[in-house]
Amino acid sequence: MAYVGQGPWQEFSNPPTKDSFTGDGSTTTFDMASEVPSASQNALEVYVDNVRQEPGSGKAFTLGVDGSGDTKRITFSSAPANGASIYVINDKTN
């Protein structure tokens, strides 16, 4: 019997990206390689020494614009320790 109606629809998204940084004890801002939609900080997974960080003002980090006006800058409320392993998993790339 033939299929009647609209055919199945598939949507594919880009694979998540991972940005890695190393803390130096004084730097609080880090720029990701790919821009993300503004106000999407809750969708980012940010880890410092394998501990997930909570986004938001007054918490671990905020998301903002870099010098070019692109939304891809992570600003920590306090600088990650010297040698701290920082990585950001971003599944919201454009």
PDB file of N, CA and C in Angstrom:
ATOM      1  N   MET A   1       0.841  -1.172   0.000  1.00  0.00           N
ATOM      2  CA  MET A   1       0.000   0.000   0.000  1.00  0.00           C
ATOM      3  C   MET A   1       0.894   1.245   0.000  1.00  0.00           C
ATOM      4  N   ALA A   2       0.548   2.220  -0.793  1.00  0.00           N
ATOM      5  CA  ALA A   2       1.335   3.441  -0.920  1.00  0.00           C
ATOM      6  C   ALA A   2       1.134   4.334   0.298  1.00  0.00           C
ATOM      7  N   TYR A   3       2.145   5.148   0.585  1.00  0.00           N
ATOM      8  CA  TYR A   3       2.069   6.112   1.685  1.00  0.00           C
ATOM      9  C   TYR A   3       1.271   7.319   1.240  1.00  0.00           C
ATOM     10  N   VAL A   4       0.288   7.700   2.050  1.00  0.00           N
ATOM     11  CA  VAL A   4      -0.554   8.846   1.727  1.00  0.00           C
ATOM     12  C   VAL A   4      -0.275   9.938   2.746  1.00  0.00           C
ATOM     13  N   GLY A   5      -0.012  11.145   2.289  1.00  0.00           N
ATOM     14  CA  GLY A   5       0.239  12.255   3.204  1.00  0.00           C
ATOM     15  C   GLY A   5       1.634  12.807   3.029  1.00  0.00           C
ATOM     16  N   GLN A   6       1.994  13.707   3.923  1.00  0.00           N
ATOM     17  CA  GLN A   6       3.304  14.351   3.871  1.00  0.00           C
ATOM     18  C   GLN A   6       4.376  13.366   4.302  1.00  0.00           C
ATOM     19  N   GLY A   7       5.447  13.367   3.583  1.00  0.00           N
ATOM     20  CA  GLY A   7       6.549  12.474   3.899  1.00  0.00           C
ATOM     21  C   GLY A   7       7.248  12.859   5.192  1.00  0.00           C
ATOM     22  N   PRO A   8       8.015  11.945   5.782  1.00  0.00           N
ATOM     23  CA  PRO A   8       8.747  12.251   7.025  1.00  0.00           C
ATOM     24  C   PRO A   8       9.702  13.421   6.823  1.00  0.00           C
ATOM     25  N   TRP A   9       9.862  14.216   7.857  1.00  0.00           N
ATOM     26  CA  TRP A   9      10.715  15.390   7.796  1.00  0.00           C
ATOM     27  C   TRP A   9      11.898  15.183   8.721  1.00  0.00           C
ATOM     28  N   GLN A  10      13.081  15.467   8.245  1.00  0.00           N
ATOM     29  CA  GLN A  10      14.277  15.318   9.053  1.00  0.00           C
ATOM     30  C   GLN A  10      14.991  16.650   9.139  1.00  0.00           C
ATOM     31  N   GLU A  11      15.483  16.941  10.322  1.00  0.00           N
ATOM     32  CA  GLU A  11      16.255  18.155  10.514  1.00  0.00           C
ATOM     33  C   GLU A  11      17.587  17.762  11.143  1.00  0.00           C
ATOM     34  N   PHE A  12      18.641  18.259  10.576  1.00  0.00           N
ATOM     35  CA  PHE A  12      19.968  17.972  11.105  1.00  0.00           C
ATOM     36  C   PHE A  12      20.564  19.245  11.661  1.00  0.00           C
ATOM     37  N   SER A  13      21.222  19.137  12.771  1.00  0.00           N
ATOM     38  CA  SER A  13      21.870  20.296  13.363  1.00  0.00           C
ATOM     39  C   SER A  13      23.384  20.099  13.339  1.00  0.00           C
ATOM     40  N   ASN A  14      24.090  21.189  13.504  1.00  0.00           N
ATOM     41  CA  ASN A  14      25.546  21.113  13.550  1.00  0.00           C
ATOM     42  C   ASN A  14      25.984  20.356  14.789  1.00  0.00           C
ATOM     43  N   PRO A  15      27.089  19.636  14.704  1.00  0.00           N
ATOM     44  CA  PRO A  15      27.597  18.969  15.910  1.00  0.00           C
ATOM     45  C   PRO A  15      28.106  20.012  16.900  1.00  0.00           C
ATOM     46  N   PRO A  16      28.091  19.698  18.182  1.00  0.00           N
ATOM     47  CA  PRO A  16      28.586  20.654  19.180  1.00  0.00           C
ATOM     48  C   PRO A  16      30.067  20.970  18.953  1.00  0.00           C
ATOM     49  N   THR A  17      30.467  22.177  19.343  1.00  0.00           N
ATOM     50  CA  THR A  17      31.873  22.552  19.292  1.00  0.00           C
ATOM     51  C   THR A  17      32.431  22.559  20.708  1.00  0.00           C
ATOM     52  N   LYS A  18      33.730  22.425  20.807  1.00  0.00           N
ATOM     53  CA  LYS A  18      34.395  22.453  22.106  1.00  0.00           C
ATOM     54  C   LYS A  18      35.558  23.423  22.029  1.00  0.00           C
ATOM     55  N   ASP A  19      35.551  24.411  22.919  1.00  0.00           N
ATOM     56  CA  ASP A  19      36.655  25.358  23.039  1.00  0.00           C
ATOM     57  C   ASP A  19      37.396  25.047  24.327  1.00  0.00           C
ATOM     58  N   SER A  20      38.717  25.027  24.261  1.00  0.00           N
ATOM     59  CA  SER A  20      39.536  24.744  25.441  1.00  0.00           C
ATOM     60  C   SER A  20      40.444  25.927  25.748  1.00  0.00           C
ATOM     61  N   PHE A  21      40.562  26.220  27.028  1.00  0.00           N
ATOM     62  CA  PHE A  21      41.409  27.321  27.499  1.00  0.00           C
ATOM     63  C   PHE A  21      42.157  26.850  28.741  1.00  0.00           C
ATOM     64  N   THR A  22      43.184  27.598  29.118  1.00  0.00           N
ATOM     65  CA  THR A  22      43.915  27.330  30.352  1.00  0.00           C
ATOM     66  C   THR A  22      43.954  28.608  31.176  1.00  0.00           C
ATOM     67  N   GLY A  23      43.537  28.511  32.420  1.00  0.00           N
ATOM     68  CA  GLY A  23      43.546  29.664  33.306  1.00  0.00           C
ATOM     69  C   GLY A  23      44.961  30.080  33.663  1.00  0.00           C
ATOM     70  N   ASP A  24      45.128  31.376  33.954  1.00  0.00           N
ATOM     71  CA  ASP A  24      46.442  31.870  34.372  1.00  0.00           C
ATOM     72  C   ASP A  24      46.382  32.589  35.717  1.00  0.00           C
ATOM     73  N   GLY A  25      45.228  32.554  36.358  1.00  0.00           N
ATOM     74  CA  GLY A  25      45.087  33.185  37.662  1.00  0.00           C
ATOM     75  C   GLY A  25      44.706  34.644  37.616  1.00  0.00           C
ATOM     76  N   SER A  26      44.732  35.268  36.422  1.00  0.00           N
ATOM     77  CA  SER A  26      44.366  36.681  36.339  1.00  0.00           C
ATOM     78  C   SER A  26      43.380  36.999  35.209  1.00  0.00           C
ATOM     79  N   THR A  27      43.354  36.197  34.149  1.00  0.00           N
ATOM     80  CA  THR A  27      42.459  36.443  33.023  1.00  0.00           C
ATOM     81  C   THR A  27      41.046  35.981  33.360  1.00  0.00           C
ATOM     82  N   THR A  28      40.060  36.847  33.115  1.00  0.00           N
ATOM     83  CA  THR A  28      38.672  36.492  33.394  1.00  0.00           C
ATOM     84  C   THR A  28      37.833  36.360  32.131  1.00  0.00           C
ATOM     85  N   THR A  29      38.336  36.812  30.972  1.00  0.00           N
ATOM     86  CA  THR A  29      37.558  36.734  29.739  1.00  0.00           C
ATOM     87  C   THR A  29      38.209  35.788  28.733  1.00  0.00           C
ATOM     88  N   PHE A  30      37.367  34.997  28.100  1.00  0.00           N
ATOM     89  CA  PHE A  30      37.814  34.034  27.092  1.00  0.00           C
ATOM     90  C   PHE A  30      36.824  34.080  25.937  1.00  0.00           C
ATOM     91  N   ASP A  31      37.334  34.084  24.697  1.00  0.00           N
ATOM     92  CA  ASP A  31      36.486  34.150  23.511  1.00  0.00           C
ATOM     93  C   ASP A  31      36.400  32.787  22.838  1.00  0.00           C
ATOM     94  N   MET A  32      35.163  32.323  22.629  1.00  0.00           N
ATOM     95  CA  MET A  32      34.938  31.064  21.930  1.00  0.00           C
ATOM     96  C   MET A  32      35.179  31.267  20.437  1.00  0.00           C
ATOM     97  N   ALA A  33      35.383  30.193  19.709  1.00  0.00           N
ATOM     98  CA  ALA A  33      35.641  30.275  18.277  1.00  0.00           C
ATOM     99  C   ALA A  33      34.376  30.577  17.484  1.00  0.00           C
ATOM    100  N   SER A  34      33.228  30.116  17.965  1.00  0.00           N
ATOM    101  CA  SER A  34      31.973  30.292  17.232  1.00  0.00           C
ATOM    102  C   SER A  34      31.001  31.158  18.014  1.00  0.00           C
ATOM    103  N   GLU A  35      30.277  31.984  17.277  1.00  0.00           N
ATOM    104  CA  GLU A  35      29.268  32.842  17.891  1.00  0.00           C
ATOM    105  C   GLU A  35      28.054  32.015  18.299  1.00  0.00           C
ATOM    106  N   VAL A  36      27.384  32.421  19.356  1.00  0.00           N
ATOM    107  CA  VAL A  36      26.159  31.777  19.825  1.00  0.00           C
ATOM    108  C   VAL A  36      25.043  32.819  19.864  1.00  0.00           C
ATOM    109  N   PRO A  37      23.783  32.388  19.852  1.00  0.00           N
ATOM    110  CA  PRO A  37      22.695  33.358  19.971  1.00  0.00           C
ATOM    111  C   PRO A  37      22.807  34.113  21.300  1.00  0.00           C
ATOM    112  N   SER A  38      22.473  35.392  21.288  1.00  0.00           N
ATOM    113  CA  SER A  38      22.538  36.164  22.530  1.00  0.00           C
ATOM    114  C   SER A  38      21.565  35.576  23.551  1.00  0.00           C
ATOM    115  N   ALA A  39      21.882  35.725  24.819  1.00  0.00           N
ATOM    116  CA  ALA A  39      21.080  35.227  25.937  1.00  0.00           C
ATOM    117  C   ALA A  39      20.985  33.706  25.949  1.00  0.00           C
ATOM    118  N   SER A  40      21.970  33.011  25.394  1.00  0.00           N
ATOM    119  CA  SER A  40      21.935  31.550  25.413  1.00  0.00           C
ATOM    120  C   SER A  40      22.945  30.963  26.393  1.00  0.00           C
ATOM    121  N   GLN A  41      23.336  31.742  27.396  1.00  0.00           N
ATOM    122  CA  GLN A  41      24.343  31.252  28.330  1.00  0.00           C
ATOM    123  C   GLN A  41      23.896  30.011  29.093  1.00  0.00           C
ATOM    124  N   ASN A  42      22.589  29.844  29.295  1.00  0.00           N
ATOM    125  CA  ASN A  42      22.107  28.656  29.997  1.00  0.00           C
ATOM    126  C   ASN A  42      22.255  27.392  29.164  1.00  0.00           C
ATOM    127  N   ALA A  43      22.421  27.533  27.856  1.00  0.00           N
ATOM    128  CA  ALA A  43      22.593  26.383  26.981  1.00  0.00           C
ATOM    129  C   ALA A  43      24.053  25.955  26.864  1.00  0.00           C
ATOM    130  N   LEU A  44      24.991  26.816  27.255  1.00  0.00           N
ATOM    131  CA  LEU A  44      26.408  26.462  27.198  1.00  0.00           C
ATOM    132  C   LEU A  44      26.780  25.582  28.374  1.00  0.00           C
ATOM    133  N   GLU A  45      27.697  24.673  28.132  1.00  0.00           N
ATOM    134  CA  GLU A  45      28.252  23.852  29.207  1.00  0.00           C
ATOM    135  C   GLU A  45      29.677  24.327  29.432  1.00  0.00           C
ATOM    136  N   VAL A  46      29.916  24.989  30.551  1.00  0.00           N
ATOM    137  CA  VAL A  46      31.229  25.548  30.865  1.00  0.00           C
ATOM    138  C   VAL A  46      31.787  24.794  32.069  1.00  0.00           C
ATOM    139  N   TYR A  47      33.002  24.280  31.919  1.00  0.00           N
ATOM    140  CA  TYR A  47      33.644  23.503  32.973  1.00  0.00           C
ATOM    141  C   TYR A  47      35.002  24.104  33.320  1.00  0.00           C
ATOM    142  N   VAL A  48      35.314  24.152  34.594  1.00  0.00           N
ATOM    143  CA  VAL A  48      36.641  24.531  35.070  1.00  0.00           C
ATOM    144  C   VAL A  48      37.123  23.369  35.934  1.00  0.00           C
ATOM    145  N   ASP A  49      38.218  22.748  35.521  1.00  0.00           N
ATOM    146  CA  ASP A  49      38.739  21.545  36.182  1.00  0.00           C
ATOM    147  C   ASP A  49      37.634  20.508  36.388  1.00  0.00           C
ATOM    148  N   ASN A  50      36.870  20.277  35.322  1.00  0.00           N
ATOM    149  CA  ASN A  50      35.794  19.281  35.270  1.00  0.00           C
ATOM    150  C   ASN A  50      34.625  19.553  36.200  1.00  0.00           C
ATOM    151  N   VAL A  51      34.475  20.779  36.673  1.00  0.00           N
ATOM    152  CA  VAL A  51      33.330  21.175  37.498  1.00  0.00           C
ATOM    153  C   VAL A  51      32.485  22.132  36.667  1.00  0.00           C
ATOM    154  N   ARG A  52      31.228  21.765  36.464  1.00  0.00           N
ATOM    155  CA  ARG A  52      30.344  22.615  35.645  1.00  0.00           C
ATOM    156  C   ARG A  52      30.074  23.921  36.376  1.00  0.00           C
ATOM    157  N   GLN A  53      30.112  25.024  35.614  1.00  0.00           N
ATOM    158  CA  GLN A  53      29.932  26.357  36.172  1.00  0.00           C
ATOM    159  C   GLN A  53      28.514  26.855  35.907  1.00  0.00           C
ATOM    160  N   GLU A  54      27.956  27.577  36.860  1.00  0.00           N
ATOM    161  CA  GLU A  54      26.602  28.099  36.731  1.00  0.00           C
ATOM    162  C   GLU A  54      26.634  29.483  36.085  1.00  0.00           C
ATOM    163  N   PRO A  55      25.821  29.681  35.035  1.00  0.00           N
ATOM    164  CA  PRO A  55      25.802  30.980  34.361  1.00  0.00           C
ATOM    165  C   PRO A  55      24.931  31.989  35.092  1.00  0.00           C
ATOM    166  N   GLY A  56      25.197  33.255  34.840  1.00  0.00           N
ATOM    167  CA  GLY A  56      24.345  34.319  35.345  1.00  0.00           C
ATOM    168  C   GLY A  56      25.119  35.383  36.091  1.00  0.00           C
ATOM    169  N   SER A  57      24.522  36.535  36.170  1.00  0.00           N
ATOM    170  CA  SER A  57      25.121  37.647  36.889  1.00  0.00           C
ATOM    171  C   SER A  57      25.237  37.302  38.368  1.00  0.00           C
ATOM    172  N   GLY A  58      26.402  37.492  38.939  1.00  0.00           N
ATOM    173  CA  GLY A  58      26.629  37.161  40.338  1.00  0.00           C
ATOM    174  C   GLY A  58      26.945  35.692  40.562  1.00  0.00           C
ATOM    175  N   LYS A  59      27.060  34.925  39.484  1.00  0.00           N
ATOM    176  CA  LYS A  59      27.388  33.501  39.586  1.00  0.00           C
ATOM    177  C   LYS A  59      28.749  33.282  38.945  1.00  0.00           C
ATOM    178  N   ALA A  60      29.008  32.127  38.359  1.00  0.00           N
ATOM    179  CA  ALA A  60      30.345  31.800  37.863  1.00  0.00           C
ATOM    180  C   ALA A  60      30.759  32.565  36.608  1.00  0.00           C
ATOM    181  N   PHE A  61      29.835  32.737  35.635  1.00  0.00           N
ATOM    182  CA  PHE A  61      30.227  33.397  34.389  1.00  0.00           C
ATOM    183  C   PHE A  61      29.020  34.043  33.728  1.00  0.00           C
ATOM    184  N   THR A  62      29.324  34.967  32.811  1.00  0.00           N
ATOM    185  CA  THR A  62      28.296  35.571  31.956  1.00  0.00           C
ATOM    186  C   THR A  62      28.752  35.464  30.507  1.00  0.00           C
ATOM    187  N   LEU A  63      27.800  35.566  29.605  1.00  0.00           N
ATOM    188  CA  LEU A  63      28.064  35.542  28.173  1.00  0.00           C
ATOM    189  C   LEU A  63      27.871  36.945  27.633  1.00  0.00           C
ATOM    190  N   GLY A  64      28.795  37.394  26.794  1.00  0.00           N
ATOM    191  CA  GLY A  64      28.685  38.739  26.239  1.00  0.00           C
ATOM    192  C   GLY A  64      29.336  38.834  24.879  1.00  0.00           C
ATOM    193  N   VAL A  65      29.460  40.063  24.401  1.00  0.00           N
ATOM    194  CA  VAL A  65      30.043  40.296  23.076  1.00  0.00           C
ATOM    195  C   VAL A  65      31.546  40.528  23.180  1.00  0.00           C
ATOM    196  N   ASP A  66      32.235  40.116  22.123  1.00  0.00           N
ATOM    197  CA  ASP A  66      33.683  40.343  22.070  1.00  0.00           C
ATOM    198  C   ASP A  66      33.949  41.689  21.419  1.00  0.00           C
ATOM    199  N   GLY A  67      35.188  41.987  21.101  1.00  0.00           N
ATOM    200  CA  GLY A  67      35.559  43.264  20.510  1.00  0.00           C
ATOM    201  C   GLY A  67      34.964  43.509  19.135  1.00  0.00           C
ATOM    202  N   SER A  68      34.544  42.445  18.448  1.00  0.00           N
ATOM    203  CA  SER A  68      33.942  42.564  17.119  1.00  0.00           C
ATOM    204  C   SER A  68      32.426  42.662  17.167  1.00  0.00           C
ATOM    205  N   GLY A  69      31.848  42.589  18.361  1.00  0.00           N
ATOM    206  CA  GLY A  69      30.400  42.643  18.495  1.00  0.00           C
ATOM    207  C   GLY A  69      29.718  41.295  18.369  1.00  0.00           C
ATOM    208  N   ASP A  70      30.496  40.205  18.303  1.00  0.00           N
ATOM    209  CA  ASP A  70      29.941  38.861  18.223  1.00  0.00           C
ATOM    210  C   ASP A  70      29.696  38.312  19.630  1.00  0.00           C
ATOM    211  N   THR A  71      28.603  37.600  19.803  1.00  0.00           N
ATOM    212  CA  THR A  71      28.280  37.015  21.115  1.00  0.00           C
ATOM    213  C   THR A  71      29.047  35.714  21.273  1.00  0.00           C
ATOM    214  N   LYS A  72      30.252  35.825  21.819  1.00  0.00           N
ATOM    215  CA  LYS A  72      31.064  34.631  22.040  1.00  0.00           C
ATOM    216  C   LYS A  72      32.102  34.804  23.154  1.00  0.00           C
ATOM    217  N   ARG A  73      31.918  35.796  24.000  1.00  0.00           N
ATOM    218  CA  ARG A  73      32.861  36.035  25.089  1.00  0.00           C
ATOM    219  C   ARG A  73      32.294  35.529  26.411  1.00  0.00           C
ATOM    220  N   ILE A  74      33.075  34.727  27.086  1.00  0.00           N
ATOM    221  CA  ILE A  74      32.720  34.241  28.416  1.00  0.00           C
ATOM    222  C   ILE A  74      33.535  35.042  29.420  1.00  0.00           C
ATOM    223  N   THR A  75      32.856  35.633  30.392  1.00  0.00           N
ATOM    224  CA  THR A  75      33.527  36.405  31.435  1.00  0.00           C
ATOM    225  C   THR A  75      33.245  35.755  32.774  1.00  0.00           C
ATOM    226  N   PHE A  76      34.295  35.287  33.426  1.00  0.00           N
ATOM    227  CA  PHE A  76      34.166  34.659  34.740  1.00  0.00           C
ATOM    228  C   PHE A  76      34.107  35.730  35.818  1.00  0.00           C
ATOM    229  N   SER A  77      33.370  35.462  36.882  1.00  0.00           N
ATOM    230  CA  SER A  77      33.278  36.422  37.990  1.00  0.00           C
ATOM    231  C   SER A  77      34.600  36.519  38.740  1.00  0.00           C
ATOM    232  N   SER A  78      35.369  35.448  38.736  1.00  0.00           N
ATOM    233  CA  SER A  78      36.733  35.485  39.283  1.00  0.00           C
ATOM    234  C   SER A  78      37.618  34.642  38.368  1.00  0.00           C
ATOM    235  N   ALA A  79      38.865  35.029  38.252  1.00  0.00           N
ATOM    236  CA  ALA A  79      39.771  34.362  37.320  1.00  0.00           C
ATOM    237  C   ALA A  79      40.005  32.906  37.726  1.00  0.00           C
ATOM    238  N   PRO A  80      39.900  31.986  36.771  1.00  0.00           N
ATOM    239  CA  PRO A  80      40.249  30.597  37.065  1.00  0.00           C
ATOM    240  C   PRO A  80      41.722  30.503  37.477  1.00  0.00           C
ATOM    241  N   ALA A  81      42.016  29.563  38.334  1.00  0.00           N
ATOM    242  CA  ALA A  81      43.363  29.407  38.878  1.00  0.00           C
ATOM    243  C   ALA A  81      44.399  29.150  37.790  1.00  0.00           C
ATOM    244  N   ASN A  82      45.651  29.445  38.094  1.00  0.00           N
ATOM    245  CA  ASN A  82      46.748  29.206  37.173  1.00  0.00           C
ATOM    246  C   ASN A  82      46.806  27.715  36.844  1.00  0.00           C
ATOM    247  N   GLY A  83      46.764  27.392  35.563  1.00  0.00           N
ATOM    248  CA  GLY A  83      46.821  26.002  35.115  1.00  0.00           C
ATOM    249  C   GLY A  83      45.467  25.306  35.082  1.00  0.00           C
ATOM    250  N   ALA A  84      44.396  26.001  35.448  1.00  0.00           N
ATOM    251  CA  ALA A  84      43.068  25.385  35.439  1.00  0.00           C
ATOM    252  C   ALA A  84      42.652  25.046  34.012  1.00  0.00           C
ATOM    253  N   SER A  85      42.103  23.874  33.833  1.00  0.00           N
ATOM    254  CA  SER A  85      41.607  23.438  32.539  1.00  0.00           C
ATOM    255  C   SER A  85      40.172  23.923  32.367  1.00  0.00           C
ATOM    256  N   ILE A  86      39.943  24.718  31.327  1.00  0.00           N
ATOM    257  CA  ILE A  86      38.626  25.301  31.065  1.00  0.00           C
ATOM    258  C   ILE A  86      38.165  24.787  29.708  1.00  0.00           C
ATOM    259  N   TYR A  87      36.947  24.290  29.639  1.00  0.00           N
ATOM    260  CA  TYR A  87      36.398  23.964  28.335  1.00  0.00           C
ATOM    261  C   TYR A  87      34.927  24.301  28.273  1.00  0.00           C
ATOM    262  N   VAL A  88      34.498  24.638  27.051  1.00  0.00           N
ATOM    263  CA  VAL A  88      33.131  25.070  26.799  1.00  0.00           C
ATOM    264  C   VAL A  88      32.563  24.205  25.687  1.00  0.00           C
ATOM    265  N   ILE A  89      31.445  23.543  25.969  1.00  0.00           N
ATOM    266  CA  ILE A  89      30.745  22.759  24.951  1.00  0.00           C
ATOM    267  C   ILE A  89      29.555  23.584  24.497  1.00  0.00           C
ATOM    268  N   ASN A  90      29.506  23.825  23.204  1.00  0.00           N
ATOM    269  CA  ASN A  90      28.514  24.705  22.630  1.00  0.00           C
ATOM    270  C   ASN A  90      27.757  23.958  21.528  1.00  0.00           C
ATOM    271  N   ASP A  91      26.497  23.650  21.763  1.00  0.00           N
ATOM    272  CA  ASP A  91      25.701  22.998  20.731  1.00  0.00           C
ATOM    273  C   ASP A  91      24.756  23.966  20.043  1.00  0.00           C
ATOM    274  N   LYS A  92      24.965  25.266  20.231  1.00  0.00           N
ATOM    275  CA  LYS A  92      24.109  26.292  19.646  1.00  0.00           C
ATOM    276  C   LYS A  92      24.818  27.113  18.591  1.00  0.00           C
ATOM    277  N   THR A  93      25.775  26.540  17.903  1.00  0.00           N
ATOM    278  CA  THR A  93      26.504  27.296  16.878  1.00  0.00           C
ATOM    279  C   THR A  93      25.596  27.563  15.703  1.00  0.00           C
ATOM    280  N   ASN A  94      25.848  28.644  15.017  1.00  0.00           N
ATOM    281  CA  ASN A  94      25.027  29.004  13.856  1.00  0.00           C
ATOM    282  C   ASN A  94      25.522  28.288  12.619  1.00  0.00           C
TER     283      ASN A  94
END
